[in-house]
């Protein structure tokens, strides 16, 4: 594992918890963001998104997505 990947590992874990794993309410403040209108867009660099698995993201009922 390169130094850059090790440095991004904590961010990748938090991003995965934010978007894919059920967390305690308020445990991650970003999960509380609910736009009044429009869609929320999150821009990530590749190392931060390395743990995400978007194959099951078509199910819009589950947010945050549970594993």
N, C-alpha and C. Protein backbone atom coordinates (compact mmCIF):
# COMPACT_ATOMS: atom_id res chain seq x y z
N UNK A 1 0.86 -1.17 0.00
CA UNK A 1 0.00 0.00 0.00
C UNK A 1 0.90 1.23 0.00
N UNK A 2 0.60 2.16 -0.89
CA UNK A 2 1.42 3.35 -0.97
C UNK A 2 1.10 4.29 0.18
N UNK A 3 1.99 5.24 0.39
CA UNK A 3 1.78 6.21 1.47
C UNK A 3 0.50 7.01 1.25
N UNK A 4 0.24 7.38 0.00
CA UNK A 4 -0.98 8.16 -0.30
C UNK A 4 -2.23 7.35 0.03
N UNK A 5 -2.24 6.07 -0.30
CA UNK A 5 -3.41 5.24 0.01
C UNK A 5 -3.58 5.08 1.51
N UNK A 6 -2.48 4.92 2.24
CA UNK A 6 -2.58 4.80 3.70
C UNK A 6 -3.12 6.09 4.30
N UNK A 7 -2.70 7.22 3.76
CA UNK A 7 -3.16 8.51 4.28
C UNK A 7 -4.65 8.70 4.02
N UNK A 8 -5.16 8.16 2.92
CA UNK A 8 -6.57 8.31 2.57
C UNK A 8 -7.45 7.22 3.17
N UNK A 9 -6.86 6.21 3.75
CA UNK A 9 -7.65 5.10 4.29
C UNK A 9 -8.69 5.58 5.31
N UNK A 10 -8.35 6.46 6.26
CA UNK A 10 -9.38 6.93 7.20
C UNK A 10 -10.51 7.69 6.48
N UNK A 11 -10.18 8.51 5.48
CA UNK A 11 -11.21 9.23 4.74
C UNK A 11 -12.09 8.26 3.97
N UNK A 12 -11.49 7.25 3.36
CA UNK A 12 -12.27 6.27 2.61
C UNK A 12 -13.23 5.52 3.52
N UNK A 13 -12.81 5.22 4.73
CA UNK A 13 -13.68 4.53 5.69
C UNK A 13 -14.86 5.43 6.08
N UNK A 14 -14.60 6.70 6.33
CA UNK A 14 -15.67 7.62 6.71
C UNK A 14 -16.64 7.82 5.54
N UNK A 15 -16.12 7.96 4.33
CA UNK A 15 -16.98 8.12 3.16
C UNK A 15 -17.86 6.89 3.00
N UNK A 16 -17.31 5.71 3.17
CA UNK A 16 -18.10 4.49 3.06
C UNK A 16 -19.18 4.45 4.14
N UNK A 17 -18.83 4.80 5.37
CA UNK A 17 -19.83 4.83 6.44
C UNK A 17 -20.92 5.85 6.14
N UNK A 18 -20.53 6.98 5.58
CA UNK A 18 -21.48 8.04 5.25
C UNK A 18 -22.49 7.58 4.21
N UNK A 19 -22.03 6.89 3.18
CA UNK A 19 -22.89 6.59 2.04
C UNK A 19 -23.47 5.18 2.01
N UNK A 20 -22.84 4.24 2.69
CA UNK A 20 -23.26 2.85 2.52
C UNK A 20 -23.63 2.11 3.80
N UNK A 21 -23.21 2.58 4.93
CA UNK A 21 -23.40 1.82 6.16
C UNK A 21 -24.32 2.58 7.10
N UNK A 22 -25.25 1.87 7.70
CA UNK A 22 -26.14 2.49 8.68
C UNK A 22 -25.32 2.97 9.88
N UNK A 23 -25.45 4.20 10.24
CA UNK A 23 -24.74 4.77 11.38
C UNK A 23 -25.76 5.32 12.38
N UNK A 24 -25.32 5.51 13.58
CA UNK A 24 -26.19 6.12 14.58
C UNK A 24 -26.59 7.52 14.13
N UNK A 25 -27.83 7.92 14.34
CA UNK A 25 -28.25 9.27 13.94
C UNK A 25 -27.34 10.33 14.56
N UNK A 26 -26.83 11.20 13.71
CA UNK A 26 -25.97 12.27 14.18
C UNK A 26 -24.52 11.87 14.37
N UNK A 27 -24.21 10.59 14.19
CA UNK A 27 -22.82 10.15 14.35
C UNK A 27 -21.93 10.79 13.28
N UNK A 28 -22.48 10.93 12.09
CA UNK A 28 -21.78 11.61 11.01
C UNK A 28 -22.64 12.80 10.58
N UNK A 29 -22.23 14.01 10.93
CA UNK A 29 -23.06 15.18 10.62
C UNK A 29 -23.43 15.31 9.15
N UNK A 30 -22.60 14.82 8.25
CA UNK A 30 -22.92 14.91 6.82
C UNK A 30 -24.18 14.12 6.47
N UNK A 31 -24.54 13.11 7.27
CA UNK A 31 -25.76 12.35 7.01
C UNK A 31 -27.01 13.16 7.31
N UNK A 32 -26.88 14.26 8.00
CA UNK A 32 -28.02 15.09 8.33
C UNK A 32 -28.37 16.09 7.23
N UNK A 33 -27.51 16.21 6.22
CA UNK A 33 -27.74 17.17 5.14
C UNK A 33 -28.90 16.68 4.28
N UNK A 34 -29.92 17.50 4.16
CA UNK A 34 -31.09 17.20 3.33
C UNK A 34 -31.42 18.47 2.54
N UNK A 35 -31.07 18.52 1.28
CA UNK A 35 -31.36 19.73 0.48
C UNK A 35 -32.87 19.99 0.42
N UNK A 36 -33.27 21.24 0.54
CA UNK A 36 -34.68 21.59 0.46
C UNK A 36 -35.20 21.40 -0.96
N UNK A 37 -34.35 21.59 -1.93
CA UNK A 37 -34.72 21.40 -3.33
C UNK A 37 -33.52 20.88 -4.09
N UNK A 38 -33.76 20.07 -5.08
CA UNK A 38 -32.67 19.55 -5.89
C UNK A 38 -32.03 18.32 -5.26
N UNK A 39 -30.88 17.96 -5.77
CA UNK A 39 -30.17 16.76 -5.33
C UNK A 39 -28.85 17.14 -4.65
N UNK A 40 -28.46 16.33 -3.73
CA UNK A 40 -27.17 16.52 -3.08
C UNK A 40 -26.11 15.84 -3.94
N UNK A 41 -25.05 16.53 -4.24
CA UNK A 41 -23.95 15.97 -5.02
C UNK A 41 -22.70 15.98 -4.15
N UNK A 42 -22.02 14.87 -4.12
CA UNK A 42 -20.80 14.73 -3.34
C UNK A 42 -19.68 14.42 -4.31
N UNK A 43 -18.63 15.23 -4.30
CA UNK A 43 -17.49 15.03 -5.17
C UNK A 43 -16.35 14.45 -4.35
N UNK A 44 -15.78 13.36 -4.82
CA UNK A 44 -14.72 12.66 -4.10
C UNK A 44 -13.52 12.45 -5.00
N UNK A 45 -12.35 12.38 -4.39
CA UNK A 45 -11.19 11.93 -5.15
C UNK A 45 -11.18 10.40 -5.13
N UNK A 46 -10.39 9.80 -5.99
CA UNK A 46 -10.39 8.34 -6.13
C UNK A 46 -10.01 7.63 -4.83
N UNK A 47 -8.96 8.05 -4.13
CA UNK A 47 -8.63 7.33 -2.88
C UNK A 47 -9.74 7.38 -1.83
N UNK A 48 -10.46 8.48 -1.75
CA UNK A 48 -11.54 8.58 -0.77
C UNK A 48 -12.73 7.70 -1.13
N UNK A 49 -12.90 7.42 -2.42
CA UNK A 49 -14.02 6.61 -2.88
C UNK A 49 -13.65 5.14 -3.08
N UNK A 50 -12.45 4.76 -2.72
CA UNK A 50 -11.96 3.42 -3.04
C UNK A 50 -12.75 2.29 -2.40
N UNK A 51 -13.43 2.50 -1.30
CA UNK A 51 -14.17 1.43 -0.63
C UNK A 51 -15.63 1.34 -1.05
N UNK A 52 -16.09 2.26 -1.89
CA UNK A 52 -17.50 2.28 -2.26
C UNK A 52 -17.81 1.20 -3.28
N UNK A 53 -18.99 0.60 -3.15
CA UNK A 53 -19.49 -0.40 -4.08
C UNK A 53 -20.85 0.07 -4.56
N UNK A 54 -20.88 0.64 -5.77
CA UNK A 54 -22.11 1.28 -6.25
C UNK A 54 -23.03 0.33 -6.99
N UNK A 55 -22.74 -0.96 -6.99
CA UNK A 55 -23.56 -1.91 -7.75
C UNK A 55 -25.00 -1.97 -7.25
N UNK A 56 -25.27 -1.69 -6.00
CA UNK A 56 -26.62 -1.77 -5.45
C UNK A 56 -27.24 -0.41 -5.16
N UNK A 57 -26.71 0.63 -5.74
CA UNK A 57 -27.19 1.97 -5.44
C UNK A 57 -28.48 2.32 -6.16
N UNK A 58 -28.98 1.47 -7.01
CA UNK A 58 -30.23 1.77 -7.72
C UNK A 58 -31.42 1.78 -6.77
N UNK A 59 -31.30 1.11 -5.63
CA UNK A 59 -32.37 1.08 -4.64
C UNK A 59 -32.35 2.39 -3.86
N UNK A 60 -33.17 3.34 -4.28
CA UNK A 60 -33.14 4.67 -3.65
C UNK A 60 -33.84 4.70 -2.30
N UNK A 61 -34.51 3.61 -1.91
CA UNK A 61 -35.22 3.58 -0.63
C UNK A 61 -34.27 3.53 0.56
N UNK A 62 -33.11 2.98 0.37
CA UNK A 62 -32.19 2.78 1.48
C UNK A 62 -31.17 3.90 1.54
N UNK A 63 -31.33 4.81 2.47
CA UNK A 63 -30.32 5.84 2.73
C UNK A 63 -30.25 6.11 4.21
N UNK A 64 -29.11 6.03 4.81
CA UNK A 64 -27.89 5.48 4.19
C UNK A 64 -28.06 4.01 3.91
N UNK A 65 -27.31 3.53 2.99
CA UNK A 65 -27.42 2.15 2.56
C UNK A 65 -26.85 1.21 3.61
N UNK A 66 -27.59 0.18 3.94
CA UNK A 66 -27.13 -0.80 4.92
C UNK A 66 -26.48 -1.98 4.21
N UNK A 67 -25.48 -2.54 4.85
CA UNK A 67 -24.82 -3.70 4.24
C UNK A 67 -25.44 -4.96 4.74
